[in-house]
C-alpha atoms as a PDB file:
ATOM      1  CA  UNK A   1      -0.101  -0.061  -0.063  1.00  0.00           C
ATOM      2  CA  UNK A   2       1.658   3.398  -1.090  1.00  0.00           C
ATOM      3  CA  UNK A   3       0.934   6.382   1.075  1.00  0.00           C
ATOM      4  CA  UNK A   4       0.378   9.976  -0.684  1.00  0.00           C
ATOM      5  CA  UNK A   5       2.252  12.654   0.810  1.00  0.00           C
ATOM      6  CA  UNK A   6       1.538  14.947  -2.075  1.00  0.00           C
ATOM      7  CA  UNK A   7       4.104  17.394  -2.682  1.00  0.00           C
ATOM      8  CA  UNK A   8       6.087  15.149  -0.530  1.00  0.00           C
ATOM      9  CA  UNK A   9       6.299  12.247  -2.553  1.00  0.00           C
ATOM     10  CA  UNK A  10       5.545   8.722  -1.483  1.00  0.00           C
ATOM     11  CA  UNK A  11       5.809   5.916   1.117  1.00  0.00           C
ATOM     12  CA  UNK A  12       5.895   2.559   0.612  1.00  0.00           C
ATOM     13  CA  UNK A  13       6.124   0.036   3.527  1.00  0.00           C
ATOM     14  CA  UNK A  14       6.243  -3.763   2.787  1.00  0.00           C
ATOM     15  CA  UNK A  15       6.046  -6.517   4.950  1.00  0.00           C
ATOM     16  CA  UNK A  16       6.709 -10.557   3.959  1.00  0.00           C
ATOM     17  CA  UNK A  17       6.208 -13.261   6.407  1.00  0.00           C
ATOM     18  CA  UNK A  18       7.319 -16.395   5.079  1.00  0.00           C
ATOM     19  CA  UNK A  19       5.926 -20.011   7.345  1.00  0.00           C
ATOM     20  CA  UNK A  20       7.583 -22.965   6.267  1.00  0.00           C
ATOM     21  CA  UNK A  21       6.794 -26.657   7.876  1.00  0.00           C
ATOM     22  CA  UNK A  22       9.886 -28.578   8.745  1.00  0.00           C
ATOM     23  CA  UNK A  23      11.406 -30.682   6.227  1.00  0.00           C
ATOM     24  CA  UNK A  24      14.843 -33.247   5.838  1.00  0.00           C
ATOM     25  CA  UNK A  25      17.278 -31.644   3.233  1.00  0.00           C
ATOM     26  CA  UNK A  26      18.660 -35.031   1.986  1.00  0.00           C
ATOM     27  CA  UNK A  27      17.386 -38.873   1.395  1.00  0.00           C
ATOM     28  CA  UNK A  28      18.561 -40.046   4.850  1.00  0.00           C
ATOM     29  CA  UNK A  29      16.165 -38.465   7.358  1.00  0.00           C
ATOM     30  CA  UNK A  30      18.947 -37.658  10.478  1.00  0.00           C
ATOM     31  CA  UNK A  31      18.744 -35.126  12.869  1.00  0.00           C
ATOM     32  CA  UNK A  32      21.447 -33.688  11.045  1.00  0.00           C
ATOM     33  CA  UNK A  33      19.907 -33.082   8.027  1.00  0.00           C
ATOM     34  CA  UNK A  34      16.484 -31.739   9.678  1.00  0.00           C
ATOM     35  CA  UNK A  35      15.114 -28.334   9.866  1.00  0.00           C
ATOM     36  CA  UNK A  36      12.206 -27.366  12.167  1.00  0.00           C
ATOM     37  CA  UNK A  37       9.335 -25.168  11.470  1.00  0.00           C
ATOM     38  CA  UNK A  38       9.889 -21.788  10.877  1.00  0.00           C
ATOM     39  CA  UNK A  39       8.537 -18.422  10.097  1.00  0.00           C
ATOM     40  CA  UNK A  40      10.846 -15.501   8.319  1.00  0.00           C
ATOM     41  CA  UNK A  41      10.044 -11.783   8.274  1.00  0.00           C
ATOM     42  CA  UNK A  42      10.950  -9.295   5.885  1.00  0.00           C
ATOM     43  CA  UNK A  43      10.669  -5.788   5.986  1.00  0.00           C
ATOM     44  CA  UNK A  44      11.380  -2.068   4.100  1.00  0.00           C
ATOM     45  CA  UNK A  45       9.818   1.474   3.866  1.00  0.00           C
ATOM     46  CA  UNK A  46      10.738   3.112   0.928  1.00  0.00           C
ATOM     47  CA  UNK A  47      10.242   6.994   0.173  1.00  0.00           C
ATOM     48  CA  UNK A  48      10.089   8.218  -3.480  1.00  0.00           C
ATOM     49  CA  UNK A  49      10.103  11.879  -4.373  1.00  0.00           C
ATOM     50  CA  UNK A  50       7.134  13.453  -5.840  1.00  0.00           C
ATOM     51  CA  UNK A  51       8.769  13.540  -9.354  1.00  0.00           C
ATOM     52  CA  UNK A  52       9.350   9.815  -9.448  1.00  0.00           C
ATOM     53  CA  UNK A  53      13.145  10.349 -10.130  1.00  0.00           C
ATOM     54  CA  UNK A  54      14.815   9.091  -7.030  1.00  0.00           C
ATOM     55  CA  UNK A  55      13.816   6.965  -3.731  1.00  0.00           C
ATOM     56  CA  UNK A  56      15.494   5.801  -0.525  1.00  0.00           C
ATOM     57  CA  UNK A  57      14.491   2.521   1.314  1.00  0.00           C
ATOM     58  CA  UNK A  58      15.057   1.106   4.471  1.00  0.00           C
ATOM     59  CA  UNK A  59      15.022  -2.621   5.100  1.00  0.00           C
ATOM     60  CA  UNK A  60      15.445  -5.551   7.263  1.00  0.00           C
ATOM     61  CA  UNK A  61      15.278  -9.144   5.850  1.00  0.00           C
ATOM     62  CA  UNK A  62      14.997 -11.868   8.136  1.00  0.00           C
ATOM     63  CA  UNK A  63      14.701  -9.657  10.795  1.00  0.00           C
ATOM     64  CA  UNK A  64      14.096 -12.557  13.666  1.00  0.00           C
ATOM     65  CA  UNK A  65      17.181 -13.670  12.746  1.00  0.00           C
ATOM     66  CA  UNK A  66      15.948 -17.359  11.789  1.00  0.00           C
ATOM     67  CA  UNK A  67      18.684 -20.053  10.862  1.00  0.00           C
ATOM     68  CA  UNK A  68      17.662 -21.584   8.070  1.00  0.00           C
ATOM     69  CA  UNK A  69      18.803 -24.821   6.945  1.00  0.00           C
ATOM     70  CA  UNK A  70      18.913 -24.765   3.554  1.00  0.00           C
ATOM     71  CA  UNK A  71      20.861 -27.918   2.582  1.00  0.00           C
ATOM     72  CA  UNK A  72      23.170 -30.841   3.912  1.00  0.00           C
ATOM     73  CA  UNK A  73      25.085 -33.197   2.384  1.00  0.00           C
ATOM     74  CA  UNK A  74      26.512 -36.561   3.575  1.00  0.00           C
ATOM     75  CA  UNK A  75      30.046 -37.204   2.101  1.00  0.00           C
ATOM     76  CA  UNK A  76      32.406 -39.907   2.711  1.00  0.00           C
ATOM     77  CA  UNK A  77      33.348 -40.876   6.054  1.00  0.00           C
ATOM     78  CA  UNK A  78      30.194 -39.610   7.166  1.00  0.00           C
ATOM     79  CA  UNK A  79      31.677 -36.003   6.559  1.00  0.00           C
ATOM     80  CA  UNK A  80      28.516 -33.688   6.888  1.00  0.00           C
ATOM     81  CA  UNK A  81      28.462 -30.388   5.015  1.00  0.00           C
ATOM     82  CA  UNK A  82      25.730 -27.686   5.873  1.00  0.00           C
ATOM     83  CA  UNK A  83      24.627 -24.364   4.798  1.00  0.00           C
ATOM     84  CA  UNK A  84      22.345 -22.285   5.881  1.00  0.00           C
ATOM     85  CA  UNK A  85      20.504 -18.693   5.004  1.00  0.00           C
ATOM     86  CA  UNK A  86      21.573 -15.421   5.469  1.00  0.00           C
ATOM     87  CA  UNK A  87      21.114 -14.141   8.708  1.00  0.00           C
ATOM     88  CA  UNK A  88      19.119 -11.202   9.879  1.00  0.00           C
ATOM     89  CA  UNK A  89      20.264  -8.280   7.578  1.00  0.00           C
ATOM     90  CA  UNK A  90      19.516  -4.261   7.563  1.00  0.00           C
ATOM     91  CA  UNK A  91      20.064  -1.637   5.427  1.00  0.00           C
ATOM     92  CA  UNK A  92      19.645   0.959   3.006  1.00  0.00           C
ATOM     93  CA  UNK A  93      18.961   1.653  -0.439  1.00  0.00           C
ATOM     94  CA  UNK A  94      19.161   4.379  -3.089  1.00  0.00           C
ATOM     95  CA  UNK A  95      18.044   4.548  -6.319  1.00  0.00           C
ATOM     96  CA  UNK A  96      18.212   6.846  -9.443  1.00  0.00           C
ATOM     97  CA  UNK A  97      15.468   6.695 -12.647  1.00  0.00           C
ATOM     98  CA  UNK A  98      17.639   8.671 -16.092  1.00  0.00           C
END
């Protein structure tokens, strides 16, 4: 939903909620490759100037800092390699239209 501020521009809030049930990342179905159910939240707030030429946006991804197991590989000698999604990330973006 965009909030029109007239000559001051536009503010656009954004929120995203992802819920995932639990899952295994390999065919072995062990405790090592099991991801419990989780919720992940991303938010942002963008201000765009009235002519639409530039914007500034503050954002937060994975704001609750959920550790999300993306994959697990069982290799030789029962070695396990796992990969996780990114942690909580915050920042500011700016853009210009030419």
